[in-house]
Amino acid sequence: MDAQIDVKENEARMQRGELYHAFESGLVAKRQRCQQACSRFNAGGHLERRKLVELFRDITEDKSPLPAAGTSEEEDSRLLADEPFIDGPFLADYGFNVRLGKGVYVNFNSVWIDTCTITVGARTLIGPNCAFYSGTHPLDPFLRNGTNGPELGKPIEIGEDCWLGGNVIVLPGVTIGRGCTVGAGSVVTKDVPEFHCVVGNPARIIRKIEVKHPDPAILP
């Protein structure tokens, strides 16, 4: 297969959400790199916060500098407060298409099929066993052709200040607006406008969320 494929163009097509070949050797190697990075992170639950942040950044290939280490573990944790909090196991295809905002929390057993970008806004909370599928396949079985045929993807975007309950699945191309709540076990198949609560399979709007200014006394 590789002899017939332009490697750079194939990956560019993947990123653009066009048909591409996932089993081209370069993409296979990138998935293997990510699997190894995920394994290192998932085995490190006993490690201090800074090391876990570094291991997670290996998954996402985030090369931006971290603040200098604090004089104590407690101070260091404060310095890293804006980094995502991830409970393993965390599994991704490529890692470099997963983009988590400041203070995002991801509970254990999350799956990220990051064929295209999966973006999660700041302060969003993600429950256990959630899955984000930005990859998909042609419906035509002859075009799909098992592992020999092409695949494609669509980006997923989740806004700031959302809350996804446990066992939520988000499908390719979905945008969830800011401040939304997604009930446990929901399958989100289409866009959700900001400040709405959705529940079910497929997820449906059950109410609009009325935003109130919190009492400053309860804020950190």
N, C-alpha and C. Protein backbone atom coordinates (compact mmCIF):
# COMPACT_ATOMS: atom_id res chain seq x y z
N MET A 1 0.82 -1.21 0.00
CA MET A 1 0.00 0.00 0.00
C MET A 1 0.86 1.26 0.00
N ASP A 2 1.95 1.29 0.83
CA ASP A 2 2.75 2.50 1.00
C ASP A 2 3.32 3.03 -0.31
N ALA A 3 3.67 2.14 -1.23
CA ALA A 3 4.28 2.57 -2.48
C ALA A 3 3.34 3.44 -3.30
N GLN A 4 2.05 3.33 -3.05
CA GLN A 4 1.06 4.07 -3.82
C GLN A 4 0.58 5.32 -3.10
N ILE A 5 1.10 5.59 -1.90
CA ILE A 5 0.57 6.66 -1.07
C ILE A 5 1.62 7.74 -0.84
N ASP A 6 1.21 9.01 -1.03
CA ASP A 6 2.03 10.14 -0.65
C ASP A 6 1.86 10.32 0.86
N VAL A 7 2.91 10.03 1.64
CA VAL A 7 2.80 9.96 3.09
C VAL A 7 2.34 11.29 3.69
N LYS A 8 2.96 12.39 3.28
CA LYS A 8 2.61 13.70 3.84
C LYS A 8 1.19 14.09 3.46
N GLU A 9 0.82 13.85 2.21
CA GLU A 9 -0.53 14.20 1.77
C GLU A 9 -1.57 13.34 2.47
N ASN A 10 -1.24 12.08 2.72
CA ASN A 10 -2.16 11.18 3.41
C ASN A 10 -2.48 11.70 4.81
N GLU A 11 -1.44 12.13 5.55
CA GLU A 11 -1.69 12.67 6.89
C GLU A 11 -2.42 14.01 6.82
N ALA A 12 -2.09 14.82 5.83
CA ALA A 12 -2.79 16.10 5.66
C ALA A 12 -4.28 15.87 5.38
N ARG A 13 -4.59 14.85 4.59
CA ARG A 13 -5.99 14.52 4.32
C ARG A 13 -6.69 14.09 5.60
N MET A 14 -6.02 13.32 6.42
CA MET A 14 -6.59 12.93 7.71
C MET A 14 -6.94 14.17 8.54
N GLN A 15 -6.00 15.09 8.64
CA GLN A 15 -6.22 16.30 9.45
C GLN A 15 -7.34 17.16 8.88
N ARG A 16 -7.52 17.13 7.56
CA ARG A 16 -8.57 17.94 6.93
C ARG A 16 -9.94 17.26 6.96
N GLY A 17 -10.00 16.04 7.46
CA GLY A 17 -11.27 15.33 7.50
C GLY A 17 -11.66 14.69 6.19
N GLU A 18 -10.66 14.43 5.33
CA GLU A 18 -10.91 13.80 4.04
C GLU A 18 -10.54 12.32 4.11
N LEU A 19 -10.93 11.56 3.09
CA LEU A 19 -10.57 10.15 3.06
C LEU A 19 -9.05 9.97 3.05
N TYR A 20 -8.57 9.06 3.87
CA TYR A 20 -7.13 8.80 3.98
C TYR A 20 -6.95 7.34 4.36
N HIS A 21 -5.72 6.85 4.33
CA HIS A 21 -5.45 5.45 4.66
C HIS A 21 -4.76 5.37 6.03
N ALA A 22 -5.46 4.82 7.01
CA ALA A 22 -4.96 4.77 8.39
C ALA A 22 -3.83 3.76 8.57
N PHE A 23 -3.72 2.78 7.67
CA PHE A 23 -2.72 1.74 7.86
C PHE A 23 -1.47 1.97 7.02
N GLU A 24 -1.28 3.19 6.56
CA GLU A 24 0.00 3.59 5.98
C GLU A 24 1.03 3.55 7.11
N SER A 25 2.25 3.11 6.82
CA SER A 25 3.22 2.80 7.87
C SER A 25 3.57 3.99 8.75
N GLY A 26 3.59 5.21 8.19
CA GLY A 26 3.91 6.38 9.00
C GLY A 26 2.86 6.63 10.07
N LEU A 27 1.57 6.49 9.72
CA LEU A 27 0.51 6.68 10.70
C LEU A 27 0.48 5.53 11.71
N VAL A 28 0.76 4.32 11.26
CA VAL A 28 0.86 3.20 12.19
C VAL A 28 1.93 3.48 13.24
N ALA A 29 3.08 4.00 12.81
CA ALA A 29 4.16 4.32 13.74
C ALA A 29 3.74 5.41 14.73
N LYS A 30 2.98 6.39 14.26
CA LYS A 30 2.54 7.46 15.16
C LYS A 30 1.55 6.93 16.20
N ARG A 31 0.70 6.00 15.80
CA ARG A 31 -0.21 5.39 16.77
C ARG A 31 0.56 4.55 17.79
N GLN A 32 1.57 3.85 17.32
CA GLN A 32 2.39 3.06 18.25
C GLN A 32 3.12 3.96 19.24
N ARG A 33 3.64 5.10 18.77
CA ARG A 33 4.29 6.06 19.68
C ARG A 33 3.32 6.50 20.76
N CYS A 34 2.07 6.81 20.34
CA CYS A 34 1.07 7.28 21.29
C CYS A 34 0.69 6.18 22.28
N GLN A 35 0.56 4.95 21.79
CA GLN A 35 0.25 3.84 22.70
C GLN A 35 1.32 3.69 23.77
N GLN A 36 2.57 3.83 23.38
CA GLN A 36 3.66 3.72 24.34
C GLN A 36 3.63 4.87 25.35
N ALA A 37 3.33 6.08 24.86
CA ALA A 37 3.24 7.24 25.76
C ALA A 37 2.08 7.07 26.73
N CYS A 38 0.95 6.57 26.24
CA CYS A 38 -0.20 6.32 27.11
C CYS A 38 0.15 5.28 28.17
N SER A 39 0.86 4.24 27.78
CA SER A 39 1.24 3.19 28.74
C SER A 39 2.12 3.75 29.85
N ARG A 40 3.06 4.63 29.48
CA ARG A 40 3.92 5.23 30.51
C ARG A 40 3.11 6.10 31.46
N PHE A 41 2.19 6.89 30.91
CA PHE A 41 1.35 7.73 31.76
C PHE A 41 0.46 6.89 32.66
N ASN A 42 -0.17 5.88 32.09
CA ASN A 42 -1.12 5.06 32.85
C ASN A 42 -0.45 4.25 33.96
N ALA A 43 0.84 4.01 33.81
CA ALA A 43 1.59 3.28 34.84
C ALA A 43 2.12 4.20 35.93
N GLY A 44 1.89 5.51 35.79
CA GLY A 44 2.54 6.47 36.69
C GLY A 44 1.64 7.08 37.73
N GLY A 45 0.54 6.42 38.09
CA GLY A 45 -0.41 7.00 39.03
C GLY A 45 0.18 7.37 40.37
N HIS A 46 1.28 6.75 40.75
CA HIS A 46 1.91 6.99 42.05
C HIS A 46 2.87 8.18 42.01
N LEU A 47 3.09 8.74 40.84
CA LEU A 47 4.11 9.78 40.69
C LEU A 47 3.60 11.14 41.11
N GLU A 48 4.53 12.06 41.39
CA GLU A 48 4.16 13.42 41.76
C GLU A 48 3.54 14.14 40.56
N ARG A 49 2.82 15.21 40.87
CA ARG A 49 2.04 15.94 39.87
C ARG A 49 2.88 16.37 38.67
N ARG A 50 4.06 16.94 38.89
CA ARG A 50 4.85 17.45 37.77
C ARG A 50 5.22 16.33 36.79
N LYS A 51 5.61 15.20 37.32
CA LYS A 51 5.98 14.09 36.44
C LYS A 51 4.79 13.61 35.63
N LEU A 52 3.61 13.57 36.25
CA LEU A 52 2.41 13.16 35.52
C LEU A 52 2.08 14.16 34.42
N VAL A 53 2.23 15.45 34.71
CA VAL A 53 2.01 16.47 33.68
C VAL A 53 2.97 16.26 32.51
N GLU A 54 4.22 15.99 32.82
CA GLU A 54 5.22 15.76 31.76
C GLU A 54 4.87 14.52 30.94
N LEU A 55 4.44 13.46 31.60
CA LEU A 55 4.08 12.24 30.88
C LEU A 55 2.85 12.46 30.00
N PHE A 56 1.89 13.24 30.50
CA PHE A 56 0.71 13.52 29.68
C PHE A 56 1.08 14.38 28.47
N ARG A 57 1.98 15.33 28.68
CA ARG A 57 2.43 16.14 27.55
C ARG A 57 3.18 15.31 26.51
N ASP A 58 3.78 14.22 26.92
CA ASP A 58 4.38 13.31 25.94
C ASP A 58 3.31 12.71 25.03
N ILE A 59 2.14 12.44 25.60
CA ILE A 59 1.04 11.90 24.78
C ILE A 59 0.61 12.92 23.74
N THR A 60 0.38 14.15 24.17
CA THR A 60 -0.17 15.18 23.28
C THR A 60 0.90 15.91 22.48
N GLU A 61 2.16 15.59 22.74
CA GLU A 61 3.30 16.23 22.07
C GLU A 61 3.31 17.75 22.29
N ASP A 62 2.94 18.15 23.49
CA ASP A 62 2.96 19.56 23.87
C ASP A 62 4.37 19.93 24.31
N LYS A 63 5.04 20.78 23.54
CA LYS A 63 6.43 21.15 23.80
C LYS A 63 6.56 22.49 24.53
N SER A 64 5.45 23.15 24.86
CA SER A 64 5.54 24.45 25.52
C SER A 64 6.14 24.28 26.92
N PRO A 65 6.91 25.29 27.38
CA PRO A 65 7.62 25.13 28.66
C PRO A 65 6.68 25.16 29.86
N LEU A 66 7.00 24.39 30.87
CA LEU A 66 6.30 24.43 32.15
C LEU A 66 6.95 25.47 33.05
N PRO A 67 6.21 26.01 34.04
CA PRO A 67 6.86 26.90 35.00
C PRO A 67 7.95 26.16 35.77
N ALA A 68 8.94 26.92 36.23
CA ALA A 68 10.02 26.31 37.02
C ALA A 68 9.44 25.62 38.26
N ALA A 69 10.08 24.55 38.67
CA ALA A 69 9.59 23.76 39.80
C ALA A 69 9.57 24.59 41.08
N GLY A 70 8.55 24.36 41.91
CA GLY A 70 8.45 25.04 43.19
C GLY A 70 9.38 24.43 44.22
N THR A 71 9.45 25.07 45.38
CA THR A 71 10.36 24.61 46.43
C THR A 71 9.77 23.44 47.23
N SER A 72 8.48 23.15 47.03
CA SER A 72 7.84 22.01 47.69
C SER A 72 6.84 21.41 46.72
N GLU A 73 6.42 20.19 47.00
CA GLU A 73 5.43 19.53 46.13
C GLU A 73 4.11 20.30 46.14
N GLU A 74 3.74 20.84 47.31
CA GLU A 74 2.50 21.62 47.41
C GLU A 74 2.58 22.88 46.56
N GLU A 75 3.71 23.60 46.65
CA GLU A 75 3.88 24.80 45.83
C GLU A 75 3.89 24.44 44.35
N ASP A 76 4.54 23.34 44.02
CA ASP A 76 4.62 22.91 42.63
C ASP A 76 3.23 22.61 42.08
N SER A 77 2.38 21.99 42.89
CA SER A 77 1.01 21.71 42.46
C SER A 77 0.25 22.99 42.16
N ARG A 78 0.48 24.03 42.98
CA ARG A 78 -0.17 25.32 42.72
C ARG A 78 0.32 25.91 41.41
N LEU A 79 1.62 25.79 41.15
CA LEU A 79 2.18 26.33 39.91
C LEU A 79 1.61 25.63 38.68
N LEU A 80 1.20 24.37 38.85
CA LEU A 80 0.69 23.58 37.73
C LEU A 80 -0.83 23.50 37.72
N ALA A 81 -1.49 24.39 38.46
CA ALA A 81 -2.94 24.30 38.62
C ALA A 81 -3.70 24.43 37.31
N ASP A 82 -3.13 25.13 36.34
CA ASP A 82 -3.82 25.31 35.05
C ASP A 82 -3.67 24.10 34.13
N GLU A 83 -2.75 23.20 34.46
CA GLU A 83 -2.59 22.00 33.62
C GLU A 83 -3.79 21.06 33.82
N PRO A 84 -4.20 20.33 32.77
CA PRO A 84 -5.31 19.38 32.94
C PRO A 84 -5.01 18.35 34.02
N PHE A 85 -6.06 17.93 34.72
CA PHE A 85 -5.97 16.84 35.69
C PHE A 85 -6.53 15.59 35.03
N ILE A 86 -5.70 14.58 34.85
CA ILE A 86 -6.09 13.38 34.13
C ILE A 86 -5.94 12.17 35.04
N ASP A 87 -7.01 11.41 35.21
CA ASP A 87 -6.92 10.13 35.90
C ASP A 87 -6.85 9.03 34.84
N GLY A 88 -5.80 8.21 34.90
CA GLY A 88 -5.68 7.11 33.96
C GLY A 88 -6.59 5.95 34.33
N PRO A 89 -6.80 5.00 33.43
CA PRO A 89 -6.19 4.94 32.10
C PRO A 89 -6.75 5.99 31.14
N PHE A 90 -5.86 6.50 30.31
CA PHE A 90 -6.17 7.45 29.25
C PHE A 90 -5.65 6.83 27.96
N LEU A 91 -6.52 6.70 26.95
CA LEU A 91 -6.14 6.05 25.70
C LEU A 91 -6.45 6.96 24.52
N ALA A 92 -5.49 7.11 23.63
CA ALA A 92 -5.68 7.93 22.43
C ALA A 92 -5.03 7.25 21.24
N ASP A 93 -5.48 7.63 20.04
CA ASP A 93 -4.88 7.10 18.81
C ASP A 93 -3.55 7.77 18.50
N TYR A 94 -3.57 9.11 18.42
CA TYR A 94 -2.38 9.86 18.04
C TYR A 94 -1.89 10.78 19.15
N GLY A 95 -2.80 11.31 19.95
CA GLY A 95 -2.41 12.18 21.05
C GLY A 95 -2.25 13.63 20.65
N PHE A 96 -1.59 13.87 19.51
CA PHE A 96 -1.31 15.26 19.12
C PHE A 96 -2.56 16.02 18.69
N ASN A 97 -3.68 15.35 18.48
CA ASN A 97 -4.92 16.03 18.14
C ASN A 97 -5.84 16.22 19.35
N VAL A 98 -5.37 15.86 20.55
CA VAL A 98 -6.13 16.10 21.78
C VAL A 98 -5.66 17.41 22.38
N ARG A 99 -6.59 18.34 22.56
CA ARG A 99 -6.24 19.69 23.05
C ARG A 99 -7.16 20.05 24.21
N LEU A 100 -6.59 20.05 25.41
CA LEU A 100 -7.36 20.29 26.62
C LEU A 100 -7.02 21.65 27.20
N GLY A 101 -8.06 22.40 27.58
CA GLY A 101 -7.87 23.74 28.11
C GLY A 101 -7.45 23.74 29.57
N LYS A 102 -7.30 24.95 30.11
CA LYS A 102 -6.84 25.11 31.49
C LYS A 102 -7.83 24.48 32.48
N GLY A 103 -7.26 23.74 33.43
CA GLY A 103 -8.08 23.22 34.52
C GLY A 103 -9.09 22.16 34.12
N VAL A 104 -8.96 21.56 32.94
CA VAL A 104 -9.85 20.47 32.55
C VAL A 104 -9.60 19.26 33.44
N TYR A 105 -10.67 18.57 33.81
CA TYR A 105 -10.53 17.32 34.57
C TYR A 105 -11.11 16.17 33.76
N VAL A 106 -10.33 15.09 33.64
CA VAL A 106 -10.77 13.89 32.92
C VAL A 106 -10.67 12.71 33.88
N ASN A 107 -11.80 12.08 34.15
CA ASN A 107 -11.82 10.91 35.03
C ASN A 107 -11.31 9.67 34.28
N PHE A 108 -11.24 8.53 34.98
CA PHE A 108 -10.54 7.37 34.43
C PHE A 108 -11.28 6.70 33.26
N ASN A 109 -10.51 5.93 32.49
CA ASN A 109 -11.00 5.12 31.36
C ASN A 109 -11.56 5.96 30.21
N SER A 110 -10.91 7.05 29.89
CA SER A 110 -11.36 7.84 28.73
C SER A 110 -10.67 7.35 27.46
N VAL A 111 -11.40 7.46 26.33
CA VAL A 111 -10.91 7.02 25.03
C VAL A 111 -11.03 8.18 24.05
N TRP A 112 -9.94 8.45 23.34
CA TRP A 112 -9.87 9.60 22.43
C TRP A 112 -9.42 9.11 21.05
N ILE A 113 -10.37 8.93 20.15
CA ILE A 113 -10.04 8.57 18.77
C ILE A 113 -9.80 9.88 18.03
N ASP A 114 -8.57 10.37 18.10
CA ASP A 114 -8.26 11.73 17.64
C ASP A 114 -7.73 11.74 16.21
N THR A 115 -8.51 11.17 15.31
CA THR A 115 -8.22 11.27 13.88
C THR A 115 -8.13 12.73 13.47
N CYS A 116 -9.11 13.51 13.92
CA CYS A 116 -9.11 14.97 13.78
C CYS A 116 -9.04 15.57 15.18
N THR A 117 -8.96 16.89 15.26
CA THR A 117 -8.78 17.53 16.56
C THR A 117 -9.98 17.29 17.48
N ILE A 118 -9.68 17.07 18.75
CA ILE A 118 -10.68 17.01 19.81
C ILE A 118 -10.29 18.08 20.82
N THR A 119 -11.07 19.15 20.88
CA THR A 119 -10.76 20.31 21.69
C THR A 119 -11.73 20.40 22.86
N VAL A 120 -11.20 20.57 24.07
CA VAL A 120 -12.02 20.68 25.27
C VAL A 120 -11.67 21.99 25.96
N GLY A 121 -12.68 22.82 26.20
CA GLY A 121 -12.45 24.14 26.77
C GLY A 121 -12.14 24.11 28.25
N ALA A 122 -11.64 25.23 28.75
CA ALA A 122 -11.19 25.35 30.13
C ALA A 122 -12.29 24.99 31.13
N ARG A 123 -11.85 24.39 32.22
CA ARG A 123 -12.68 24.08 33.39
C ARG A 123 -13.77 23.05 33.12
N THR A 124 -13.71 22.39 32.00
CA THR A 124 -14.70 21.35 31.71
C THR A 124 -14.37 20.08 32.50
N LEU A 125 -15.41 19.42 32.99
CA LEU A 125 -15.28 18.20 33.79
C LEU A 125 -15.81 17.02 32.98
N ILE A 126 -15.01 15.95 32.90
CA ILE A 126 -15.37 14.78 32.11
C ILE A 126 -15.40 13.56 33.03
N GLY A 127 -16.54 12.88 33.07
CA GLY A 127 -16.73 11.75 33.96
C GLY A 127 -16.02 10.49 33.47
N PRO A 128 -16.12 9.41 34.25
CA PRO A 128 -15.42 8.17 33.89
C PRO A 128 -16.02 7.50 32.66
N ASN A 129 -15.18 6.76 31.96
CA ASN A 129 -15.60 5.92 30.83
C ASN A 129 -16.18 6.71 29.66
N CYS A 130 -15.75 7.94 29.49
CA CYS A 130 -16.22 8.74 28.35
C CYS A 130 -15.37 8.46 27.12
N ALA A 131 -15.98 8.62 25.95
CA ALA A 131 -15.29 8.34 24.69
C ALA A 131 -15.59 9.43 23.68
N PHE A 132 -14.56 9.81 22.94
CA PHE A 132 -14.65 10.88 21.95
C PHE A 132 -14.16 10.31 20.62
N TYR A 133 -15.08 10.15 19.68
CA TYR A 133 -14.78 9.48 18.42
C TYR A 133 -14.77 10.48 17.29
N SER A 134 -13.60 11.03 16.97
CA SER A 134 -13.54 11.94 15.82
C SER A 134 -13.30 11.18 14.52
N GLY A 135 -13.04 9.87 14.60
CA GLY A 135 -12.84 9.06 13.40
C GLY A 135 -14.10 8.32 13.01
N THR A 136 -14.25 8.08 11.71
CA THR A 136 -15.41 7.34 11.21
C THR A 136 -15.02 6.61 9.93
N HIS A 137 -15.97 5.91 9.34
CA HIS A 137 -15.71 5.09 8.16
C HIS A 137 -16.79 5.32 7.11
N PRO A 138 -16.50 5.07 5.84
CA PRO A 138 -17.54 5.14 4.81
C PRO A 138 -18.65 4.12 5.09
N LEU A 139 -19.88 4.48 4.76
CA LEU A 139 -20.99 3.54 4.92
C LEU A 139 -20.96 2.45 3.86
N ASP A 140 -20.45 2.76 2.69
CA ASP A 140 -20.37 1.79 1.60
C ASP A 140 -19.35 0.70 1.98
N PRO A 141 -19.78 -0.55 2.17
CA PRO A 141 -18.85 -1.58 2.63
C PRO A 141 -17.75 -1.90 1.63
N PHE A 142 -18.01 -1.68 0.35
CA PHE A 142 -16.98 -1.98 -0.65
C PHE A 142 -15.90 -0.90 -0.67
N LEU A 143 -16.30 0.35 -0.43
CA LEU A 143 -15.31 1.41 -0.27
C LEU A 143 -14.57 1.25 1.06
N ARG A 144 -15.29 0.88 2.11
CA ARG A 144 -14.69 0.71 3.44
C ARG A 144 -13.61 -0.38 3.41
N ASN A 145 -13.92 -1.53 2.88
CA ASN A 145 -12.93 -2.56 2.52
C ASN A 145 -11.99 -2.93 3.67
N GLY A 146 -12.55 -3.13 4.86
CA GLY A 146 -11.73 -3.56 5.99
C GLY A 146 -10.59 -2.60 6.28
N THR A 147 -9.40 -3.15 6.54
CA THR A 147 -8.24 -2.31 6.82
C THR A 147 -7.57 -1.80 5.55
N ASN A 148 -8.03 -2.24 4.39
CA ASN A 148 -7.42 -1.79 3.13
C ASN A 148 -8.06 -0.53 2.58
N GLY A 149 -9.27 -0.22 3.02
CA GLY A 149 -9.97 0.94 2.50
C GLY A 149 -9.67 2.21 3.26
N PRO A 150 -10.18 3.33 2.78
CA PRO A 150 -9.92 4.62 3.43
C PRO A 150 -10.86 4.87 4.61
N GLU A 151 -10.42 5.76 5.47
CA GLU A 151 -11.22 6.24 6.60
C GLU A 151 -11.31 7.76 6.50
N LEU A 152 -12.01 8.37 7.45
CA LEU A 152 -12.07 9.83 7.51
C LEU A 152 -12.44 10.25 8.92
N GLY A 153 -12.43 11.53 9.17
CA GLY A 153 -12.78 12.03 10.49
C GLY A 153 -13.39 13.41 10.43
N LYS A 154 -13.94 13.84 11.56
CA LYS A 154 -14.47 15.19 11.70
C LYS A 154 -14.11 15.68 13.10
N PRO A 155 -13.73 16.95 13.25
CA PRO A 155 -13.30 17.44 14.56
C PRO A 155 -14.44 17.49 15.57
N ILE A 156 -14.08 17.37 16.83
CA ILE A 156 -15.01 17.52 17.95
C ILE A 156 -14.58 18.73 18.75
N GLU A 157 -15.55 19.54 19.16
CA GLU A 157 -15.23 20.72 19.98
C GLU A 157 -16.19 20.79 21.16
N ILE A 158 -15.63 20.89 22.35
CA ILE A 158 -16.41 21.02 23.58
C ILE A 158 -16.01 22.32 24.24
N GLY A 159 -16.99 23.15 24.56
CA GLY A 159 -16.72 24.49 25.07
C GLY A 159 -16.24 24.51 26.51
N GLU A 160 -16.00 25.71 26.98
CA GLU A 160 -15.58 25.91 28.37
C GLU A 160 -16.73 25.60 29.33
N ASP A 161 -16.35 25.21 30.55
CA ASP A 161 -17.29 25.08 31.67
C ASP A 161 -18.41 24.07 31.42
N CYS A 162 -18.10 23.01 30.69
CA CYS A 162 -19.07 21.93 30.49
C CYS A 162 -18.88 20.84 31.53
N TRP A 163 -19.88 19.99 31.65
CA TRP A 163 -19.82 18.82 32.53
C TRP A 163 -20.40 17.64 31.79
N LEU A 164 -19.58 16.63 31.55
CA LEU A 164 -20.02 15.40 30.90
C LEU A 164 -20.04 14.29 31.94
N GLY A 165 -21.21 13.68 32.15
CA GLY A 165 -21.31 12.59 33.11
C GLY A 165 -20.62 11.33 32.61
N GLY A 166 -20.64 10.29 33.43
CA GLY A 166 -19.97 9.06 33.07
C GLY A 166 -20.57 8.38 31.86
N ASN A 167 -19.73 7.67 31.10
CA ASN A 167 -20.15 6.86 29.96
C ASN A 167 -20.79 7.67 28.83
N VAL A 168 -20.40 8.91 28.70
CA VAL A 168 -20.86 9.73 27.57
C VAL A 168 -20.01 9.41 26.35
N ILE A 169 -20.66 9.35 25.18
CA ILE A 169 -19.97 9.18 23.90
C ILE A 169 -20.27 10.40 23.05
N VAL A 170 -19.22 10.99 22.48
CA VAL A 170 -19.37 12.13 21.57
C VAL A 170 -18.90 11.68 20.19
N LEU A 171 -19.76 11.86 19.19
CA LEU A 171 -19.49 11.35 17.85
C LEU A 171 -18.82 12.41 16.96
N PRO A 172 -18.30 11.99 15.80
CA PRO A 172 -17.53 12.90 14.94
C PRO A 172 -18.32 14.14 14.53
N GLY A 173 -17.63 15.27 14.51
CA GLY A 173 -18.20 16.51 14.00
C GLY A 173 -19.07 17.27 14.96
N VAL A 174 -19.20 16.80 16.20
CA VAL A 174 -20.09 17.43 17.17
C VAL A 174 -19.41 18.62 17.84
N THR A 175 -20.17 19.69 18.03
CA THR A 175 -19.76 20.83 18.84
C THR A 175 -20.72 20.95 20.02
N ILE A 176 -20.18 20.97 21.22
CA ILE A 176 -20.96 21.19 22.44
C ILE A 176 -20.61 22.57 22.96
N GLY A 177 -21.60 23.43 23.06
CA GLY A 177 -21.35 24.82 23.43
C GLY A 177 -20.95 24.99 24.88
N ARG A 178 -20.54 26.19 25.20
CA ARG A 178 -20.07 26.52 26.54
C ARG A 178 -21.15 26.26 27.59
N GLY A 179 -20.72 25.80 28.77
CA GLY A 179 -21.61 25.70 29.92
C GLY A 179 -22.66 24.62 29.84
N CYS A 180 -22.47 23.61 28.99
CA CYS A 180 -23.46 22.55 28.84
C CYS A 180 -23.23 21.42 29.84
N THR A 181 -24.31 20.71 30.14
CA THR A 181 -24.25 19.47 30.91
C THR A 181 -24.77 18.34 30.04
N VAL A 182 -24.02 17.23 30.01
CA VAL A 182 -24.42 16.05 29.25
C VAL A 182 -24.63 14.92 30.24
N GLY A 183 -25.85 14.40 30.32
CA GLY A 183 -26.18 13.39 31.30
C GLY A 183 -25.45 12.08 31.08
N ALA A 184 -25.25 11.34 32.16
CA ALA A 184 -24.52 10.07 32.10
C ALA A 184 -25.16 9.12 31.10
N GLY A 185 -24.32 8.44 30.33
CA GLY A 185 -24.79 7.45 29.36
C GLY A 185 -25.29 8.02 28.06
N SER A 186 -25.19 9.32 27.87
CA SER A 186 -25.70 9.94 26.64
C SER A 186 -24.77 9.69 25.46
N VAL A 187 -25.36 9.64 24.27
CA VAL A 187 -24.61 9.58 23.01
C VAL A 187 -24.92 10.85 22.24
N VAL A 188 -23.92 11.72 22.11
CA VAL A 188 -24.13 13.03 21.50
C VAL A 188 -23.84 12.92 20.01
N THR A 189 -24.88 13.04 19.20
CA THR A 189 -24.77 12.84 17.76
C THR A 189 -24.84 14.13 16.96
N LYS A 190 -25.26 15.23 17.62
CA LYS A 190 -25.36 16.50 16.91
C LYS A 190 -25.02 17.64 17.86
N ASP A 191 -24.85 18.84 17.30
CA ASP A 191 -24.40 19.99 18.09
C ASP A 191 -25.37 20.32 19.22
N VAL A 192 -24.80 20.84 20.30
CA VAL A 192 -25.58 21.27 21.46
C VAL A 192 -25.31 22.76 21.67
N PRO A 193 -26.35 23.61 21.69
CA PRO A 193 -26.12 25.04 21.92
C PRO A 193 -25.66 25.30 23.34
N GLU A 194 -24.97 26.41 23.54
CA GLU A 194 -24.40 26.71 24.85
C GLU A 194 -25.48 26.82 25.92
N PHE A 195 -25.09 26.46 27.15
CA PHE A 195 -25.94 26.53 28.33
C PHE A 195 -27.23 25.72 28.17
N HIS A 196 -27.07 24.48 27.75
CA HIS A 196 -28.20 23.55 27.69
C HIS A 196 -27.79 22.22 28.33
N CYS A 197 -28.79 21.50 28.82
CA CYS A 197 -28.59 20.17 29.37
C CYS A 197 -29.19 19.15 28.42
N VAL A 198 -28.40 18.13 28.04
CA VAL A 198 -28.89 17.10 27.13
C VAL A 198 -28.72 15.73 27.79
N VAL A 199 -29.64 14.82 27.45
CA VAL A 199 -29.63 13.48 28.03
C VAL A 199 -30.15 12.51 26.98
N GLY A 200 -29.63 11.28 26.98
CA GLY A 200 -30.23 10.21 26.19
C GLY A 200 -29.39 9.72 25.04
N ASN A 201 -29.92 8.72 24.34
CA ASN A 201 -29.29 8.13 23.16
C ASN A 201 -30.33 8.04 22.05
N PRO A 202 -30.27 8.97 21.08
CA PRO A 202 -29.33 10.09 20.98
C PRO A 202 -29.67 11.19 21.99
N ALA A 203 -28.67 11.99 22.35
CA ALA A 203 -28.86 13.04 23.34
C ALA A 203 -29.85 14.09 22.83
N ARG A 204 -30.78 14.47 23.71
CA ARG A 204 -31.78 15.49 23.38
C ARG A 204 -31.78 16.56 24.47
N ILE A 205 -32.08 17.78 24.06
CA ILE A 205 -32.16 18.88 25.02
C ILE A 205 -33.34 18.65 25.95
N ILE A 206 -33.09 18.75 27.26
CA ILE A 206 -34.19 18.64 28.22
C ILE A 206 -34.44 19.96 28.95
N ARG A 207 -33.45 20.84 28.94
CA ARG A 207 -33.68 22.14 29.58
C ARG A 207 -32.57 23.11 29.20
N LYS A 208 -32.89 24.39 29.32
CA LYS A 208 -31.89 25.45 29.20
C LYS A 208 -31.36 25.73 30.59
N ILE A 209 -30.07 25.94 30.69
CA ILE A 209 -29.44 26.21 31.98
C ILE A 209 -29.45 27.71 32.25
N GLU A 210 -30.08 28.11 33.34
CA GLU A 210 -30.11 29.51 33.74
C GLU A 210 -28.85 29.81 34.55
N VAL A 211 -28.06 30.74 34.06
CA VAL A 211 -26.77 31.04 34.68
C VAL A 211 -26.95 32.08 35.77
N LYS A 212 -26.40 31.80 36.95
CA LYS A 212 -26.43 32.74 38.07
C LYS A 212 -25.01 33.05 38.48
N HIS A 213 -24.80 34.24 39.01
CA HIS A 213 -23.49 34.60 39.52
C HIS A 213 -23.33 33.97 40.90
N PRO A 214 -22.29 33.15 41.10
CA PRO A 214 -22.13 32.46 42.39
C PRO A 214 -21.77 33.42 43.51
N ASP A 215 -22.10 33.01 44.72
CA ASP A 215 -21.71 33.75 45.91
C ASP A 215 -20.18 33.71 46.02
N PRO A 216 -19.52 34.87 46.05
CA PRO A 216 -18.05 34.87 46.15
C PRO A 216 -17.52 34.09 47.35
N ALA A 217 -18.34 33.92 48.37
CA ALA A 217 -17.89 33.22 49.58
C ALA A 217 -17.62 31.75 49.33
N ILE A 218 -18.24 31.17 48.28
CA ILE A 218 -18.04 29.74 48.03
C ILE A 218 -16.96 29.49 46.98
N LEU A 219 -16.41 30.56 46.41
CA LEU A 219 -15.37 30.40 45.41
C LEU A 219 -14.01 30.26 46.08
N PRO A 220 -13.08 29.52 45.44
CA PRO A 220 -11.74 29.37 46.04
C PRO A 220 -10.98 30.68 46.04
